[in-house]
Protein backbone atom coordinates (compact mmCIF):
# COMPACT_ATOMS: atom_id res chain seq x y z
CA UNK A 1 43.82 4.95 -0.69
CA UNK A 2 40.91 5.12 1.77
CA UNK A 3 39.05 7.46 -0.58
CA UNK A 4 39.62 5.07 -3.47
CA UNK A 5 38.37 2.11 -1.41
CA UNK A 6 35.27 4.07 -0.40
CA UNK A 7 34.71 4.88 -4.07
CA UNK A 8 34.87 1.18 -4.97
CA UNK A 9 32.42 0.33 -2.19
CA UNK A 10 29.98 3.02 -3.36
CA UNK A 11 30.36 1.83 -6.96
CA UNK A 12 29.65 -1.73 -5.85
CA UNK A 13 26.52 -0.66 -3.98
CA UNK A 14 25.26 1.27 -7.00
CA UNK A 15 25.95 -1.69 -9.28
CA UNK A 16 24.21 -4.07 -6.86
CA UNK A 17 21.15 -1.81 -6.59
CA UNK A 18 20.98 -1.46 -10.36
CA UNK A 19 21.17 -5.24 -10.87
CA UNK A 20 18.69 -5.82 -8.06
CA UNK A 21 16.18 -3.39 -9.58
CA UNK A 22 16.48 -5.05 -12.99
CA UNK A 23 16.03 -8.47 -11.41
CA UNK A 24 13.01 -7.24 -9.45
CA UNK A 25 11.38 -5.78 -12.55
CA UNK A 26 12.05 -9.00 -14.45
CA UNK A 27 10.43 -11.06 -11.68
CA UNK A 28 7.34 -8.86 -11.92
CA UNK A 29 7.30 -9.20 -15.71
CA UNK A 30 4.87 -8.92 -17.30
CA UNK A 31 2.60 -6.47 -15.51
CA UNK A 32 1.05 -4.92 -18.61
CA UNK A 33 0.19 -6.00 -22.20
CA UNK A 34 2.93 -7.22 -24.54
CA UNK A 35 3.05 -6.06 -28.15
CA UNK A 36 4.35 -8.27 -30.97
CA UNK A 37 5.22 -6.19 -34.01
CA UNK A 38 4.94 -7.92 -37.39
CA UNK A 39 6.49 -5.92 -40.25
CA UNK A 40 4.09 -7.28 -42.90
CA UNK A 41 0.42 -6.83 -43.83
CA UNK A 42 -2.10 -8.99 -41.91
CA UNK A 43 -2.89 -12.47 -43.21
CA UNK A 44 0.58 -13.64 -44.23
CA UNK A 45 2.67 -16.48 -42.76
CA UNK A 46 4.26 -14.30 -40.05
CA UNK A 47 0.84 -13.03 -39.02
CA UNK A 48 -0.45 -16.61 -38.69
CA UNK A 49 2.50 -17.59 -36.49
CA UNK A 50 2.32 -14.39 -34.43
CA UNK A 51 -1.38 -14.70 -33.63
CA UNK A 52 -1.13 -18.36 -32.64
CA UNK A 53 1.91 -17.77 -30.42
CA UNK A 54 0.51 -14.51 -29.06
CA UNK A 55 -2.67 -16.23 -27.90
CA UNK A 56 -0.69 -19.05 -26.29
CA UNK A 57 1.64 -16.58 -24.54
CA UNK A 58 -1.31 -14.55 -23.27
CA UNK A 59 -2.92 -17.63 -21.77
CA UNK A 60 0.37 -18.73 -20.18
CA UNK A 61 1.36 -15.35 -18.69
CA UNK A 62 -2.12 -14.14 -17.84
CA UNK A 63 -1.56 -10.84 -19.67
CA UNK A 64 -2.80 -9.53 -22.99
CA UNK A 65 -0.54 -10.08 -25.98
CA UNK A 66 -1.55 -8.17 -29.09
CA UNK A 67 -0.30 -8.02 -32.66
CA UNK A 68 0.59 -4.75 -34.38
CA UNK A 69 1.29 -4.77 -38.11
CA UNK A 70 3.88 -2.28 -39.34
CA UNK A 71 4.40 -3.18 -43.01
CA UNK A 72 6.52 -1.40 -45.56
CA UNK A 73 9.99 -1.08 -47.06
CA UNK A 74 10.60 -4.85 -47.18
CA UNK A 75 9.96 -5.14 -43.41
CA UNK A 76 12.53 -2.44 -42.60
CA UNK A 77 9.96 -0.02 -41.13
CA UNK A 78 8.81 -2.51 -38.50
CA UNK A 79 12.34 -3.68 -37.72
CA UNK A 80 13.59 -0.12 -37.26
CA UNK A 81 10.62 0.64 -34.99
CA UNK A 82 11.39 -2.28 -32.67
CA UNK A 83 15.13 -1.59 -32.67
CA UNK A 84 14.35 1.88 -31.29
CA UNK A 85 11.75 0.70 -28.75
CA UNK A 86 12.27 0.44 -24.99
CA UNK A 87 14.28 -2.64 -24.00
CA UNK A 88 11.79 -3.75 -21.36
CA UNK A 89 10.23 -6.88 -22.89
CA UNK A 90 6.94 -5.21 -23.83
CA UNK A 91 7.73 -4.71 -27.52
CA UNK A 92 8.81 -7.77 -29.49
CA UNK A 93 9.40 -8.39 -33.18
CA UNK A 94 8.31 -11.43 -35.19
CA UNK A 95 9.99 -11.28 -38.58
CA UNK A 96 10.81 -13.72 -41.35
CA UNK A 97 14.11 -14.16 -43.19
CA UNK A 98 14.20 -10.44 -43.95
CA UNK A 99 16.08 -10.25 -40.66
CA UNK A 100 19.06 -12.07 -42.18
CA UNK A 101 18.65 -10.96 -45.80
CA UNK A 102 18.09 -7.19 -45.63
CA UNK A 103 21.47 -6.30 -44.09
CA UNK A 104 23.13 -7.70 -47.22
CA UNK A 105 20.61 -6.13 -49.60
CA UNK A 106 20.04 -2.59 -48.34
CA UNK A 107 22.26 0.21 -47.08
CA UNK A 108 21.35 2.70 -44.34
CA UNK A 109 18.83 0.41 -42.68
CA UNK A 110 18.63 2.46 -39.51
CA UNK A 111 19.34 -0.63 -37.41
CA UNK A 112 22.01 -3.27 -36.94
CA UNK A 113 20.72 -6.85 -36.75
CA UNK A 114 23.49 -8.00 -34.42
CA UNK A 115 23.83 -4.92 -32.22
CA UNK A 116 20.20 -3.74 -31.99
CA UNK A 117 18.29 -6.98 -31.37
CA UNK A 118 18.32 -9.62 -28.64
CA UNK A 119 17.34 -13.04 -30.06
CA UNK A 120 14.58 -14.91 -28.21
CA UNK A 121 13.43 -17.78 -30.43
CA UNK A 122 13.26 -19.18 -33.95
CA UNK A 123 9.82 -20.81 -33.60
CA UNK A 124 9.19 -22.09 -37.12
CA UNK A 125 10.51 -22.33 -40.64
CA UNK A 126 8.69 -22.72 -43.92
CA UNK A 127 10.17 -24.85 -46.68
CA UNK A 128 10.44 -23.01 -49.98
CA UNK A 129 8.77 -24.85 -52.83
CA UNK A 130 9.18 -24.92 -56.60
CA UNK A 131 5.79 -25.01 -58.31
CA UNK A 132 4.77 -24.95 -61.97
CA UNK A 133 1.56 -24.52 -63.94
CA UNK A 134 0.00 -27.91 -64.89
CA UNK A 135 0.66 -27.19 -68.58
CA UNK A 136 4.40 -26.88 -67.93
CA UNK A 137 6.14 -29.84 -69.65
CA UNK A 138 8.27 -30.82 -66.63
CA UNK A 139 6.59 -32.66 -63.75
CA UNK A 140 9.58 -33.71 -61.61
CA UNK A 141 13.04 -32.44 -60.65
CA UNK A 142 14.95 -34.25 -63.41
CA UNK A 143 12.57 -33.08 -66.15
CA UNK A 144 12.54 -29.56 -64.69
CA UNK A 145 16.33 -29.21 -64.70
CA UNK A 146 16.69 -30.78 -68.14
CA UNK A 147 14.19 -28.32 -69.60
CA UNK A 148 15.82 -25.28 -67.98
CA UNK A 149 19.29 -26.34 -69.18
CA UNK A 150 18.00 -27.05 -72.70
CA UNK A 151 16.53 -23.55 -73.09
CA UNK A 152 18.72 -21.10 -71.16
CA UNK A 153 17.18 -17.71 -70.52
CA UNK A 154 13.79 -18.70 -71.93
CA UNK A 155 12.04 -19.64 -68.68
CA UNK A 156 10.81 -17.05 -66.20
CA UNK A 157 10.09 -17.68 -62.52
CA UNK A 158 7.92 -15.72 -60.11
CA UNK A 159 8.76 -14.95 -56.49
CA UNK A 160 7.21 -12.88 -53.66
CA UNK A 161 9.78 -10.16 -54.37
CA UNK A 162 13.42 -9.42 -54.94
CA UNK A 163 15.47 -10.56 -51.96
CA UNK A 164 12.67 -12.67 -50.49
CA UNK A 165 13.47 -16.13 -49.09
CA UNK A 166 12.00 -17.97 -52.10
CA UNK A 167 13.82 -15.68 -54.52
CA UNK A 168 17.18 -16.34 -52.86
CA UNK A 169 16.49 -20.09 -52.86
CA UNK A 170 16.05 -19.82 -56.62
CA UNK A 171 19.26 -17.82 -56.95
CA UNK A 172 21.16 -20.38 -54.88
CA UNK A 173 19.93 -23.17 -57.17
CA UNK A 174 20.90 -21.13 -60.23
CA UNK A 175 24.40 -20.57 -58.86
CA UNK A 176 24.96 -24.20 -57.88
CA UNK A 177 23.83 -25.63 -61.23
CA UNK A 178 24.66 -22.68 -63.50
CA UNK A 179 21.03 -22.29 -64.55
CA UNK A 180 19.73 -19.39 -66.61
CA UNK A 181 16.22 -18.39 -65.52
CA UNK A 182 14.76 -14.90 -65.50
CA UNK A 183 13.34 -13.56 -62.23
CA UNK A 184 9.93 -11.86 -62.21
CA UNK A 185 9.37 -10.28 -58.77
CA UNK A 186 5.87 -9.70 -57.36
CA UNK A 187 4.60 -7.77 -54.38
CA UNK A 188 4.01 -10.75 -52.09
CA UNK A 189 3.47 -14.49 -52.23
CA UNK A 190 -0.20 -14.28 -53.20
CA UNK A 191 0.31 -12.24 -56.38
CA UNK A 192 3.29 -14.42 -57.36
CA UNK A 193 1.21 -17.59 -57.12
CA UNK A 194 -1.67 -15.97 -58.99
CA UNK A 195 0.71 -15.30 -61.87
CA UNK A 196 1.66 -18.99 -61.98
CA UNK A 197 -1.98 -20.08 -61.63
CA UNK A 198 -2.87 -17.87 -64.60
CA UNK A 199 0.15 -19.21 -66.53
CA UNK A 200 1.47 -15.68 -66.95
CA UNK A 201 4.71 -16.98 -65.43
CA UNK A 202 5.13 -20.78 -65.72
CA UNK A 203 7.38 -21.33 -62.67
CA UNK A 204 7.10 -20.10 -59.10
CA UNK A 205 9.32 -20.19 -56.04
CA UNK A 206 7.09 -19.85 -52.99
CA UNK A 207 6.91 -20.45 -49.29
CA UNK A 208 4.76 -23.47 -48.53
CA UNK A 209 1.76 -21.98 -46.62
CA UNK A 210 0.11 -20.08 -49.51
CA UNK A 211 0.78 -22.91 -51.99
CA UNK A 212 -0.69 -25.87 -50.08
CA UNK A 213 -4.29 -25.63 -51.26
CA UNK A 214 -3.32 -24.99 -54.89
CA UNK A 215 -1.00 -28.01 -55.02
CA UNK A 216 -3.50 -30.30 -53.27
CA UNK A 217 -6.23 -29.28 -55.71
CA UNK A 218 -3.97 -29.89 -58.73
CA UNK A 219 -4.05 -26.26 -59.83
CA UNK A 220 -0.28 -26.17 -59.34
CA UNK A 221 2.31 -28.95 -59.57
CA UNK A 222 4.89 -29.17 -56.80
CA UNK A 223 8.33 -30.00 -58.18
CA UNK A 224 10.59 -29.97 -55.10
CA UNK A 225 11.25 -28.48 -51.70
CA UNK A 226 14.45 -26.52 -51.15
CA UNK A 227 14.44 -27.50 -47.46
CA UNK A 228 16.54 -30.32 -46.02
CA UNK A 229 13.45 -32.46 -45.33
CA UNK A 230 10.01 -33.02 -46.81
CA UNK A 231 6.83 -31.53 -45.43
CA UNK A 232 4.23 -33.89 -43.97
CA UNK A 233 1.55 -31.67 -45.52
CA UNK A 234 2.70 -32.58 -49.05
CA UNK A 235 4.68 -35.77 -48.36
CA UNK A 236 4.96 -36.90 -51.99
CA UNK A 237 7.03 -33.90 -53.06
CA UNK A 238 10.78 -34.62 -52.73
CA UNK A 239 13.54 -32.27 -51.66
CA UNK A 240 16.29 -31.12 -54.00
CA UNK A 241 18.79 -32.87 -51.72
CA UNK A 242 16.93 -36.17 -52.12
CA UNK A 243 17.03 -35.58 -55.87
CA UNK A 244 20.82 -35.51 -55.84
CA UNK A 245 21.40 -31.76 -55.58
CA UNK A 246 23.31 -30.98 -52.36
CA UNK A 247 24.01 -27.65 -50.67
CA UNK A 248 20.87 -25.91 -51.91
CA UNK A 249 18.87 -25.94 -48.69
CA UNK A 250 16.79 -22.87 -48.05
CA UNK A 251 13.93 -22.12 -45.68
CA UNK A 252 11.98 -18.98 -44.94
CA UNK A 253 12.54 -18.77 -41.20
CA UNK A 254 10.62 -16.84 -38.56
CA UNK A 255 12.47 -15.11 -35.73
CA UNK A 256 11.30 -13.51 -32.49
CA UNK A 257 13.62 -10.83 -31.12
CA UNK A 258 13.52 -7.96 -28.64
CA UNK A 259 15.39 -4.64 -28.56
CA UNK A 260 19.01 -5.05 -27.50
CA UNK A 261 19.49 -4.45 -23.79
CA UNK A 262 16.34 -6.30 -22.75
CA UNK A 263 17.25 -8.00 -19.43
CA UNK A 264 18.45 -11.55 -19.98
CA UNK A 265 16.03 -12.89 -17.37
CA UNK A 266 13.14 -11.56 -19.47
CA UNK A 267 14.65 -13.03 -22.65
CA UNK A 268 15.00 -16.42 -20.94
CA UNK A 269 11.46 -16.24 -19.54
CA UNK A 270 9.99 -15.47 -22.96
CA UNK A 271 12.05 -18.24 -24.56
CA UNK A 272 10.76 -20.70 -21.97
CA UNK A 273 7.14 -19.65 -22.45
CA UNK A 274 7.29 -19.71 -26.25
CA UNK A 275 8.97 -23.14 -26.27
CA UNK A 276 6.35 -24.38 -23.83
CA UNK A 277 3.62 -23.19 -26.20
CA UNK A 278 5.30 -24.86 -29.18
CA UNK A 279 5.41 -28.18 -27.31
CA UNK A 280 1.61 -28.20 -27.13
CA UNK A 281 0.41 -30.88 -29.60
CA UNK A 282 -2.65 -28.86 -30.62
CA UNK A 283 -0.63 -25.75 -31.48
CA UNK A 284 2.02 -27.88 -33.19
CA UNK A 285 -0.64 -29.47 -35.40
CA UNK A 286 -2.02 -26.07 -36.41
CA UNK A 287 1.41 -24.81 -37.41
CA UNK A 288 2.41 -28.00 -39.24
CA UNK A 289 -0.89 -28.12 -41.15
CA UNK A 290 -0.37 -24.48 -42.11
CA UNK A 291 2.93 -25.45 -43.75
CA UNK A 292 5.57 -24.84 -41.09
CA UNK A 293 8.34 -26.85 -39.46
CA UNK A 294 8.23 -26.33 -35.67
CA UNK A 295 11.50 -25.74 -33.81
CA UNK A 296 12.68 -25.61 -30.21
CA UNK A 297 15.80 -23.57 -29.49
CA UNK A 298 17.61 -21.27 -27.06
CA UNK A 299 18.48 -17.57 -27.51
CA UNK A 300 22.12 -18.59 -27.95
CA UNK A 301 21.25 -21.06 -30.70
CA UNK A 302 19.14 -18.41 -32.45
CA UNK A 303 21.99 -15.90 -32.29
CA UNK A 304 24.27 -18.45 -33.95
CA UNK A 305 21.66 -19.24 -36.62
CA UNK A 306 21.25 -15.54 -37.41
CA UNK A 307 24.99 -15.17 -38.01
CA UNK A 308 25.09 -18.29 -40.21
CA UNK A 309 22.12 -17.13 -42.29
CA UNK A 310 23.60 -13.64 -42.67
CA UNK A 311 26.79 -15.15 -44.11
CA UNK A 312 24.98 -17.69 -46.28
CA UNK A 313 22.56 -15.32 -48.00
CA UNK A 314 25.12 -12.54 -48.11
CA UNK A 315 27.30 -14.78 -50.28
CA UNK A 316 24.34 -15.59 -52.58
CA UNK A 317 23.40 -11.91 -52.92
CA UNK A 318 26.98 -10.96 -53.73
CA UNK A 319 27.57 -13.80 -56.20
CA UNK A 320 24.22 -13.24 -57.91
CA UNK A 321 24.65 -9.44 -57.94
CA UNK A 322 21.15 -9.16 -56.54
CA UNK A 323 19.60 -5.75 -56.02
CA UNK A 324 16.35 -4.88 -54.21
CA UNK A 325 13.28 -4.15 -56.32
């Protein structure tokens, strides 16, 4: 019995020392540069968000924060890299809705979204937008739906790629209203919009940021947002919900996560610092004008959102029998 009690005491001391060392390291955090991995090419929406938040975090913490692009395989290369990185708070991932879409679209990912990542923040979301070429006969939601229903299978739509947020918003709309439109996937939002601008494909489903200038200039016509609320950047464009079509909300969200096992005190510190940055009116204005909704949330709320989005888009992918490109 005495030996057992001594064993428990020793185990308690070891556990205390381990917890104390983690706490001490977390208090000293950060003491070297932080890397934010973005699994897309430079210049896209995630890159814009990452650079703005990285600069703000660097100024707040007094340490360098740099962006490293690791594109490829529908963001899976970058996500796998971070999942396998040290859980010390010095390698973070900023990723869009691929985080909650890919697990339902691909097999053998090399990572598990729930088990391998620790949620930190969902800083922004981008409303998905239906756009058409100016020569397209429909100019509003009612005309658009009437035309699609009157000519099933004869209207193509472009998206940034199979399984992208805009593509799945289109598939959700098709499922809800039993629409027949043919999907034409492109390698990114830019090429998809160029196809609509050139009237090679008359309809596009896009995230808002790359479409703003084209809609404002009249080169594209905005039909409706798939988000639950309008964007102040293009305030005259209604949502599908406002137009009498419920349960079709879809945003392309941005998530910041760390490798699983990152000390909770570091997760909480990063969440606090990122939320502090997002409360800055100047940074908020930059993000809003770039086409984003700005959010404030806790790691627990983000974890819940991830699970909800996994279920939601998993159901759409299954019902639509969607395969990756």
